């Protein structure tokens, strides 16, 4: 596989993100629960969180791209706020399709090499879609 224009897809820094997922154990008893599934690659993600997303938990069955996106999400979701979490899937989709700028999310630029691989876009979106699912379910419970 040749390197993407934005840099090597599977760089050591990119691959090291997957190791970080061990810092975010999934909690089946957390008040917020969300799920996401990529139709393009079959990857799945289950998310557990407190209402402020300070202690996210992830159960990820995905390629290295999905794992990297999940780690980047988990690093910073506690600082995002509800409105930002709800806006991110659309913002990321626009960026991936070339219709928008890189969204304002720390470390997201690390995923730039994967932008050139449309088959990986669904995996990139997993954590943000799971957050929207969790927030939607929490809203239904009110």
C-alpha atoms as a PDB file:
ATOM      1  CA  UNK A   1       0.000   0.000   0.000  1.00  0.00           C
ATOM      2  CA  UNK A   2       1.475   3.346  -0.926  1.00  0.00           C
ATOM      3  CA  UNK A   3       1.448   6.292   1.420  1.00  0.00           C
ATOM      4  CA  UNK A   4      -1.483   8.643   1.266  1.00  0.00           C
ATOM      5  CA  UNK A   5      -0.828  12.246   0.220  1.00  0.00           C
ATOM      6  CA  UNK A   6      -1.299  13.363   3.854  1.00  0.00           C
ATOM      7  CA  UNK A   7       1.401  10.984   5.127  1.00  0.00           C
ATOM      8  CA  UNK A   8       1.798   7.322   5.932  1.00  0.00           C
ATOM      9  CA  UNK A   9      -1.488   5.795   7.005  1.00  0.00           C
ATOM     10  CA  UNK A  10      -0.078   3.265   9.446  1.00  0.00           C
ATOM     11  CA  UNK A  11       2.706   5.309  11.037  1.00  0.00           C
ATOM     12  CA  UNK A  12       3.998   4.275  14.473  1.00  0.00           C
ATOM     13  CA  UNK A  13       2.217   7.274  16.050  1.00  0.00           C
ATOM     14  CA  UNK A  14      -1.035   6.290  14.351  1.00  0.00           C
ATOM     15  CA  UNK A  15      -0.764   2.660  15.413  1.00  0.00           C
ATOM     16  CA  UNK A  16       0.138   3.595  18.987  1.00  0.00           C
ATOM     17  CA  UNK A  17      -3.314   5.133  19.393  1.00  0.00           C
ATOM     18  CA  UNK A  18      -4.861   1.654  19.437  1.00  0.00           C
ATOM     19  CA  UNK A  19      -2.903   0.810  22.592  1.00  0.00           C
ATOM     20  CA  UNK A  20      -4.560   3.743  24.375  1.00  0.00           C
ATOM     21  CA  UNK A  21      -7.954   2.062  24.194  1.00  0.00           C
ATOM     22  CA  UNK A  22      -7.025  -0.040  27.233  1.00  0.00           C
ATOM     23  CA  UNK A  23      -7.277   3.186  29.267  1.00  0.00           C
ATOM     24  CA  UNK A  24     -11.005   3.383  28.497  1.00  0.00           C
ATOM     25  CA  UNK A  25     -12.680   0.181  29.724  1.00  0.00           C
ATOM     26  CA  UNK A  26     -16.313  -0.229  28.781  1.00  0.00           C
ATOM     27  CA  UNK A  27     -18.711   0.023  31.730  1.00  0.00           C
ATOM     28  CA  UNK A  28     -22.048  -1.724  31.156  1.00  0.00           C
ATOM     29  CA  UNK A  29     -23.462   0.103  34.204  1.00  0.00           C
ATOM     30  CA  UNK A  30     -22.624   3.635  33.025  1.00  0.00           C
ATOM     31  CA  UNK A  31     -25.638   5.943  32.667  1.00  0.00           C
ATOM     32  CA  UNK A  32     -25.003   6.651  28.972  1.00  0.00           C
ATOM     33  CA  UNK A  33     -24.720   3.837  26.432  1.00  0.00           C
ATOM     34  CA  UNK A  34     -24.314   4.181  22.681  1.00  0.00           C
ATOM     35  CA  UNK A  35     -23.620   1.945  19.710  1.00  0.00           C
ATOM     36  CA  UNK A  36     -22.278   2.511  16.229  1.00  0.00           C
ATOM     37  CA  UNK A  37     -21.706   0.250  13.235  1.00  0.00           C
ATOM     38  CA  UNK A  38     -19.883   0.965   9.982  1.00  0.00           C
ATOM     39  CA  UNK A  39     -21.715  -0.331   6.939  1.00  0.00           C
ATOM     40  CA  UNK A  40     -18.584  -0.012   4.807  1.00  0.00           C
ATOM     41  CA  UNK A  41     -16.244  -2.177   6.880  1.00  0.00           C
ATOM     42  CA  UNK A  42     -18.372  -3.903   9.520  1.00  0.00           C
ATOM     43  CA  UNK A  43     -16.578  -2.270  12.440  1.00  0.00           C
ATOM     44  CA  UNK A  44     -18.552  -1.748  15.648  1.00  0.00           C
ATOM     45  CA  UNK A  45     -18.198   0.385  18.740  1.00  0.00           C
ATOM     46  CA  UNK A  46     -20.011   0.356  22.063  1.00  0.00           C
ATOM     47  CA  UNK A  47     -19.658   3.450  24.215  1.00  0.00           C
ATOM     48  CA  UNK A  48     -20.304   3.914  27.915  1.00  0.00           C
ATOM     49  CA  UNK A  49     -20.060   7.300  29.597  1.00  0.00           C
ATOM     50  CA  UNK A  50     -21.071   9.515  32.431  1.00  0.00           C
ATOM     51  CA  UNK A  51     -23.315  12.460  31.427  1.00  0.00           C
ATOM     52  CA  UNK A  52     -20.309  14.779  30.980  1.00  0.00           C
ATOM     53  CA  UNK A  53     -18.261  12.171  29.052  1.00  0.00           C
ATOM     54  CA  UNK A  54     -15.409  12.578  31.554  1.00  0.00           C
ATOM     55  CA  UNK A  55     -15.014   8.806  31.955  1.00  0.00           C
ATOM     56  CA  UNK A  56     -15.744   7.265  28.557  1.00  0.00           C
ATOM     57  CA  UNK A  57     -15.541   3.537  28.083  1.00  0.00           C
ATOM     58  CA  UNK A  58     -15.120   1.883  24.709  1.00  0.00           C
ATOM     59  CA  UNK A  59     -15.534  -1.604  23.331  1.00  0.00           C
ATOM     60  CA  UNK A  60     -14.135  -1.389  19.807  1.00  0.00           C
ATOM     61  CA  UNK A  61     -14.092  -4.051  17.126  1.00  0.00           C
ATOM     62  CA  UNK A  62     -12.474  -2.158  14.282  1.00  0.00           C
ATOM     63  CA  UNK A  63      -9.426  -1.772  12.096  1.00  0.00           C
ATOM     64  CA  UNK A  64      -6.490   0.367  13.197  1.00  0.00           C
ATOM     65  CA  UNK A  65      -8.201   3.422  11.702  1.00  0.00           C
ATOM     66  CA  UNK A  66     -11.330   2.908  13.801  1.00  0.00           C
ATOM     67  CA  UNK A  67      -9.226   2.237  16.874  1.00  0.00           C
ATOM     68  CA  UNK A  68      -7.195   5.402  16.306  1.00  0.00           C
ATOM     69  CA  UNK A  69     -10.339   7.502  15.845  1.00  0.00           C
ATOM     70  CA  UNK A  70     -11.787   5.998  19.016  1.00  0.00           C
ATOM     71  CA  UNK A  71      -8.681   6.849  21.036  1.00  0.00           C
ATOM     72  CA  UNK A  72      -8.695  10.418  19.731  1.00  0.00           C
ATOM     73  CA  UNK A  73     -12.371  10.699  20.654  1.00  0.00           C
ATOM     74  CA  UNK A  74     -11.807   9.298  24.149  1.00  0.00           C
ATOM     75  CA  UNK A  75      -8.860  11.605  24.825  1.00  0.00           C
ATOM     76  CA  UNK A  76     -10.962  14.718  24.346  1.00  0.00           C
ATOM     77  CA  UNK A  77     -14.684  13.964  24.602  1.00  0.00           C
ATOM     78  CA  UNK A  78     -14.842  15.181  28.207  1.00  0.00           C
ATOM     79  CA  UNK A  79     -13.875  18.670  27.042  1.00  0.00           C
ATOM     80  CA  UNK A  80     -16.264  18.802  24.098  1.00  0.00           C
ATOM     81  CA  UNK A  81     -19.707  19.462  25.531  1.00  0.00           C
ATOM     82  CA  UNK A  82     -23.031  18.134  24.309  1.00  0.00           C
ATOM     83  CA  UNK A  83     -23.471  20.491  21.344  1.00  0.00           C
ATOM     84  CA  UNK A  84     -19.998  19.747  19.993  1.00  0.00           C
ATOM     85  CA  UNK A  85     -20.515  16.007  20.353  1.00  0.00           C
ATOM     86  CA  UNK A  86     -23.799  16.246  18.463  1.00  0.00           C
ATOM     87  CA  UNK A  87     -22.233  18.298  15.651  1.00  0.00           C
ATOM     88  CA  UNK A  88     -19.120  16.181  15.160  1.00  0.00           C
ATOM     89  CA  UNK A  89     -20.485  13.368  12.956  1.00  0.00           C
ATOM     90  CA  UNK A  90     -21.678  15.865  10.364  1.00  0.00           C
ATOM     91  CA  UNK A  91     -18.494  17.926  10.616  1.00  0.00           C
ATOM     92  CA  UNK A  92     -16.299  14.837  10.232  1.00  0.00           C
ATOM     93  CA  UNK A  93     -18.375  13.583   7.285  1.00  0.00           C
ATOM     94  CA  UNK A  94     -18.025  16.974   5.567  1.00  0.00           C
ATOM     95  CA  UNK A  95     -14.270  16.937   6.112  1.00  0.00           C
ATOM     96  CA  UNK A  96     -13.886  13.370   4.860  1.00  0.00           C
ATOM     97  CA  UNK A  97     -15.904  14.120   1.724  1.00  0.00           C
ATOM     98  CA  UNK A  98     -13.933  17.286   1.005  1.00  0.00           C
ATOM     99  CA  UNK A  99     -16.918  19.540   1.692  1.00  0.00           C
ATOM    100  CA  UNK A 100     -15.579  21.062   4.889  1.00  0.00           C
ATOM    101  CA  UNK A 101     -12.463  21.892   6.871  1.00  0.00           C
ATOM    102  CA  UNK A 102     -10.776  19.706   9.439  1.00  0.00           C
ATOM    103  CA  UNK A 103     -13.164  19.819  12.418  1.00  0.00           C
ATOM    104  CA  UNK A 104     -12.063  21.509  15.613  1.00  0.00           C
ATOM    105  CA  UNK A 105     -11.148  18.455  17.702  1.00  0.00           C
ATOM    106  CA  UNK A 106      -7.686  17.983  19.210  1.00  0.00           C
ATOM    107  CA  UNK A 107      -5.480  15.387  17.492  1.00  0.00           C
ATOM    108  CA  UNK A 108      -7.988  14.795  14.686  1.00  0.00           C
ATOM    109  CA  UNK A 109      -5.296  15.767  12.189  1.00  0.00           C
ATOM    110  CA  UNK A 110      -3.644  12.425  13.007  1.00  0.00           C
ATOM    111  CA  UNK A 111      -6.421  10.801  10.960  1.00  0.00           C
ATOM    112  CA  UNK A 112      -5.735  12.931   7.867  1.00  0.00           C
ATOM    113  CA  UNK A 113      -3.892  10.141   5.989  1.00  0.00           C
ATOM    114  CA  UNK A 114      -7.031   7.958   6.245  1.00  0.00           C
ATOM    115  CA  UNK A 115      -9.092  10.624   4.478  1.00  0.00           C
ATOM    116  CA  UNK A 116      -7.775   9.249   1.182  1.00  0.00           C
ATOM    117  CA  UNK A 117      -9.327   5.833   1.911  1.00  0.00           C
ATOM    118  CA  UNK A 118     -13.141   6.091   1.646  1.00  0.00           C
ATOM    119  CA  UNK A 119     -13.528   2.509   2.831  1.00  0.00           C
ATOM    120  CA  UNK A 120     -12.192   3.644   6.218  1.00  0.00           C
ATOM    121  CA  UNK A 121     -14.460   6.677   6.639  1.00  0.00           C
ATOM    122  CA  UNK A 122     -17.157   4.685   8.441  1.00  0.00           C
ATOM    123  CA  UNK A 123     -14.596   3.480  10.976  1.00  0.00           C
ATOM    124  CA  UNK A 124     -13.462   7.054  11.615  1.00  0.00           C
ATOM    125  CA  UNK A 125     -17.036   8.106  12.397  1.00  0.00           C
ATOM    126  CA  UNK A 126     -17.736   5.286  14.882  1.00  0.00           C
ATOM    127  CA  UNK A 127     -17.055   7.063  18.186  1.00  0.00           C
ATOM    128  CA  UNK A 128     -18.881  10.269  17.329  1.00  0.00           C
ATOM    129  CA  UNK A 129     -21.904   8.386  16.035  1.00  0.00           C
ATOM    130  CA  UNK A 130     -21.956   6.287  19.207  1.00  0.00           C
ATOM    131  CA  UNK A 131     -21.864   9.483  21.287  1.00  0.00           C
ATOM    132  CA  UNK A 132     -24.866  10.850  19.383  1.00  0.00           C
ATOM    133  CA  UNK A 133     -26.653   7.539  19.943  1.00  0.00           C
ATOM    134  CA  UNK A 134     -25.904   7.679  23.683  1.00  0.00           C
ATOM    135  CA  UNK A 135     -27.054  11.276  23.975  1.00  0.00           C
ATOM    136  CA  UNK A 136     -30.220  10.480  22.031  1.00  0.00           C
ATOM    137  CA  UNK A 137     -31.043   7.576  24.306  1.00  0.00           C
ATOM    138  CA  UNK A 138     -30.425   9.772  27.353  1.00  0.00           C
ATOM    139  CA  UNK A 139     -32.824  12.342  25.921  1.00  0.00           C
ATOM    140  CA  UNK A 140     -35.450   9.637  25.399  1.00  0.00           C
ATOM    141  CA  UNK A 141     -35.107   8.617  29.050  1.00  0.00           C
ATOM    142  CA  UNK A 142     -35.945  12.100  30.338  1.00  0.00           C
END
